[in-house]
Amino acid sequence: MGRRAARGPRSGGSVRGYQRADRLNELLVRILAEELERIDDDRLGFVTVAGVETDQDLSIARVFLTSDVDDADLLKAMAEHRPRLQRAIGNQARVRRVPPLTFMVDDTVRSADRIEEILRGLGSAGASEIEIASEEE
């Protein structure tokens, strides 16, 4: 008979407080990684799904990849495997509509390697400056 008081903002129905797109992104990473393990294609090399970003309206899913092969070859091979990967998502994920997959090379690892290389260079330059300063004393 009485009205219930509002208990605060709703989390949008999410179990862990994540947005729906975030949960879907995690699921897509797992599905794609498992399906890529099943694909026997040397052009993929040691491909890793670094992450997936899905728009809120599921209009597109950007799949970020890393691999030890040439970027252009990787993207070409992934484009050929796109239908199989989309089918795997459709079969394993409970979504009304499977978002079209767009493959992108993730440059994060390369950037991190470059930063580490620069820092190592600075570290060795700093060490030689310390040696020179101690010799001058």
Protein backbone atom coordinates (compact mmCIF):
# COMPACT_ATOMS: atom_id res chain seq x y z
CA MET A 1 0.00 0.00 0.00
CA GLY A 2 2.76 2.39 0.80
CA ARG A 3 5.36 3.68 -1.58
CA ARG A 4 8.94 2.57 -1.20
CA ALA A 5 11.55 5.23 -0.83
CA ALA A 6 14.22 5.42 -3.47
CA ARG A 7 17.44 3.83 -2.22
CA GLY A 8 19.84 5.88 -4.29
CA PRO A 9 21.01 5.83 -7.88
CA ARG A 10 20.57 2.60 -9.77
CA SER A 11 23.58 0.91 -11.24
CA GLY A 12 21.81 0.24 -14.52
CA GLY A 13 21.19 -3.39 -13.66
CA SER A 14 24.83 -4.32 -13.64
CA VAL A 15 25.95 -6.96 -11.21
CA ARG A 16 29.40 -5.59 -10.45
CA GLY A 17 28.83 -1.92 -11.17
CA TYR A 18 30.27 -2.19 -14.68
CA GLN A 19 28.53 -0.69 -17.65
CA ARG A 20 26.99 -3.15 -20.09
CA ALA A 21 29.53 -2.24 -22.77
CA ASP A 22 32.42 -2.96 -20.38
CA ARG A 23 31.07 -6.42 -19.58
CA LEU A 24 30.52 -7.09 -23.27
CA ASN A 25 34.07 -5.94 -24.07
CA GLU A 26 35.50 -8.44 -21.57
CA LEU A 27 33.34 -11.20 -23.03
CA LEU A 28 34.39 -10.36 -26.59
CA VAL A 29 38.07 -10.45 -25.64
CA ARG A 30 37.62 -13.97 -24.25
CA ILE A 31 35.57 -15.23 -27.21
CA LEU A 32 37.94 -13.76 -29.80
CA ALA A 33 41.06 -15.04 -28.01
CA GLU A 34 39.64 -18.56 -27.80
CA GLU A 35 38.57 -18.55 -31.44
CA LEU A 36 41.95 -17.21 -32.62
CA GLU A 37 43.64 -20.13 -30.83
CA ARG A 38 41.59 -22.49 -32.99
CA ILE A 39 42.54 -20.77 -36.26
CA ASP A 40 45.57 -22.35 -37.94
CA ASP A 41 46.96 -19.44 -39.94
CA ASP A 42 50.68 -18.63 -39.92
CA ARG A 43 49.94 -15.08 -41.09
CA LEU A 44 48.58 -14.29 -37.62
CA GLY A 45 51.83 -15.14 -35.84
CA PHE A 46 51.51 -14.92 -32.07
CA VAL A 47 48.43 -12.71 -32.12
CA THR A 48 46.99 -11.39 -28.87
CA VAL A 49 43.70 -9.61 -28.34
CA ALA A 50 44.82 -6.64 -26.26
CA GLY A 51 41.32 -5.26 -25.81
CA VAL A 52 37.94 -4.51 -27.32
CA GLU A 53 36.04 -1.22 -27.25
CA THR A 54 32.35 -1.44 -28.10
CA ASP A 55 30.13 1.59 -28.64
CA GLN A 56 27.18 1.88 -26.26
CA ASP A 57 24.73 1.21 -29.10
CA LEU A 58 26.75 -1.80 -30.36
CA SER A 59 27.27 -0.07 -33.70
CA ILE A 60 30.94 -1.09 -33.84
CA ALA A 61 33.51 -3.07 -31.88
CA ARG A 62 37.14 -2.04 -32.20
CA VAL A 63 39.44 -5.01 -31.59
CA PHE A 64 43.00 -4.08 -30.58
CA LEU A 65 45.62 -6.65 -31.51
CA THR A 66 49.31 -7.23 -30.97
CA SER A 67 51.42 -9.69 -32.92
CA ASP A 68 54.95 -10.43 -34.03
CA VAL A 69 54.07 -10.14 -37.74
CA ASP A 70 53.80 -7.14 -40.05
CA ASP A 71 50.81 -4.94 -39.23
CA ALA A 72 49.44 -4.89 -42.79
CA ASP A 73 49.64 -8.69 -43.08
CA LEU A 74 47.98 -9.11 -39.70
CA LEU A 75 45.09 -6.80 -40.56
CA LYS A 76 44.60 -8.49 -43.94
CA ALA A 77 44.47 -11.95 -42.35
CA MET A 78 42.10 -10.75 -39.64
CA ALA A 79 39.78 -9.26 -42.25
CA GLU A 80 39.61 -12.67 -43.92
CA HIS A 81 38.74 -14.32 -40.60
CA ARG A 82 36.16 -11.64 -39.65
CA PRO A 83 33.08 -13.72 -40.66
CA ARG A 84 34.22 -16.70 -38.57
CA LEU A 85 34.94 -14.49 -35.57
CA GLN A 86 31.58 -12.73 -35.84
CA ARG A 87 29.84 -16.12 -36.02
CA ALA A 88 31.68 -17.24 -32.89
CA ILE A 89 30.47 -14.13 -31.07
CA GLY A 90 26.92 -14.71 -32.29
CA ASN A 91 27.00 -18.31 -31.07
CA GLN A 92 28.58 -17.65 -27.67
CA ALA A 93 27.36 -14.21 -26.59
CA ARG A 94 23.74 -13.47 -25.80
CA VAL A 95 23.39 -10.27 -27.78
CA ARG A 96 20.61 -9.35 -30.16
CA ARG A 97 23.01 -7.93 -32.64
CA VAL A 98 26.69 -8.76 -33.08
CA PRO A 99 28.61 -5.51 -33.56
CA PRO A 100 30.73 -5.34 -36.72
CA LEU A 101 34.38 -5.96 -35.87
CA THR A 102 37.04 -3.43 -36.81
CA PHE A 103 40.61 -4.59 -36.28
CA MET A 104 43.33 -2.20 -35.16
CA VAL A 105 46.95 -2.73 -34.20
CA ASP A 106 47.60 -1.81 -30.57
CA ASP A 107 50.73 0.34 -30.41
CA THR A 108 50.86 0.36 -26.62
CA VAL A 109 53.51 -2.37 -26.43
CA ARG A 110 55.68 -0.65 -29.02
CA SER A 111 55.32 2.67 -27.22
CA ALA A 112 56.23 1.08 -23.90
CA ASP A 113 59.30 -0.56 -25.46
CA ARG A 114 60.38 2.78 -26.93
CA ILE A 115 59.95 4.56 -23.58
CA GLU A 116 61.91 1.81 -21.83
CA GLU A 117 64.69 2.13 -24.43
CA ILE A 118 64.85 5.90 -23.86
CA LEU A 119 64.92 5.46 -20.09
CA ARG A 120 67.71 2.89 -20.36
CA GLY A 121 69.64 5.39 -22.46
CA LEU A 122 69.11 8.06 -19.84
CA GLY A 123 70.16 5.66 -17.09
CA SER A 124 73.44 4.80 -18.78
CA ALA A 125 74.09 8.49 -19.57
CA GLY A 126 73.39 9.36 -15.92
CA ALA A 127 75.74 6.65 -14.71
CA SER A 128 78.59 7.93 -16.88
CA GLU A 129 78.01 11.48 -15.60
CA ILE A 130 78.28 10.19 -12.01
CA GLU A 131 81.54 8.42 -12.85
CA ILE A 132 82.96 11.61 -14.40
CA ALA A 133 81.90 13.69 -11.36
CA SER A 134 83.52 11.22 -8.94
CA GLU A 135 86.76 11.22 -10.95
CA GLU A 136 86.91 15.03 -10.82
CA GLU A 137 86.77 15.05 -7.00
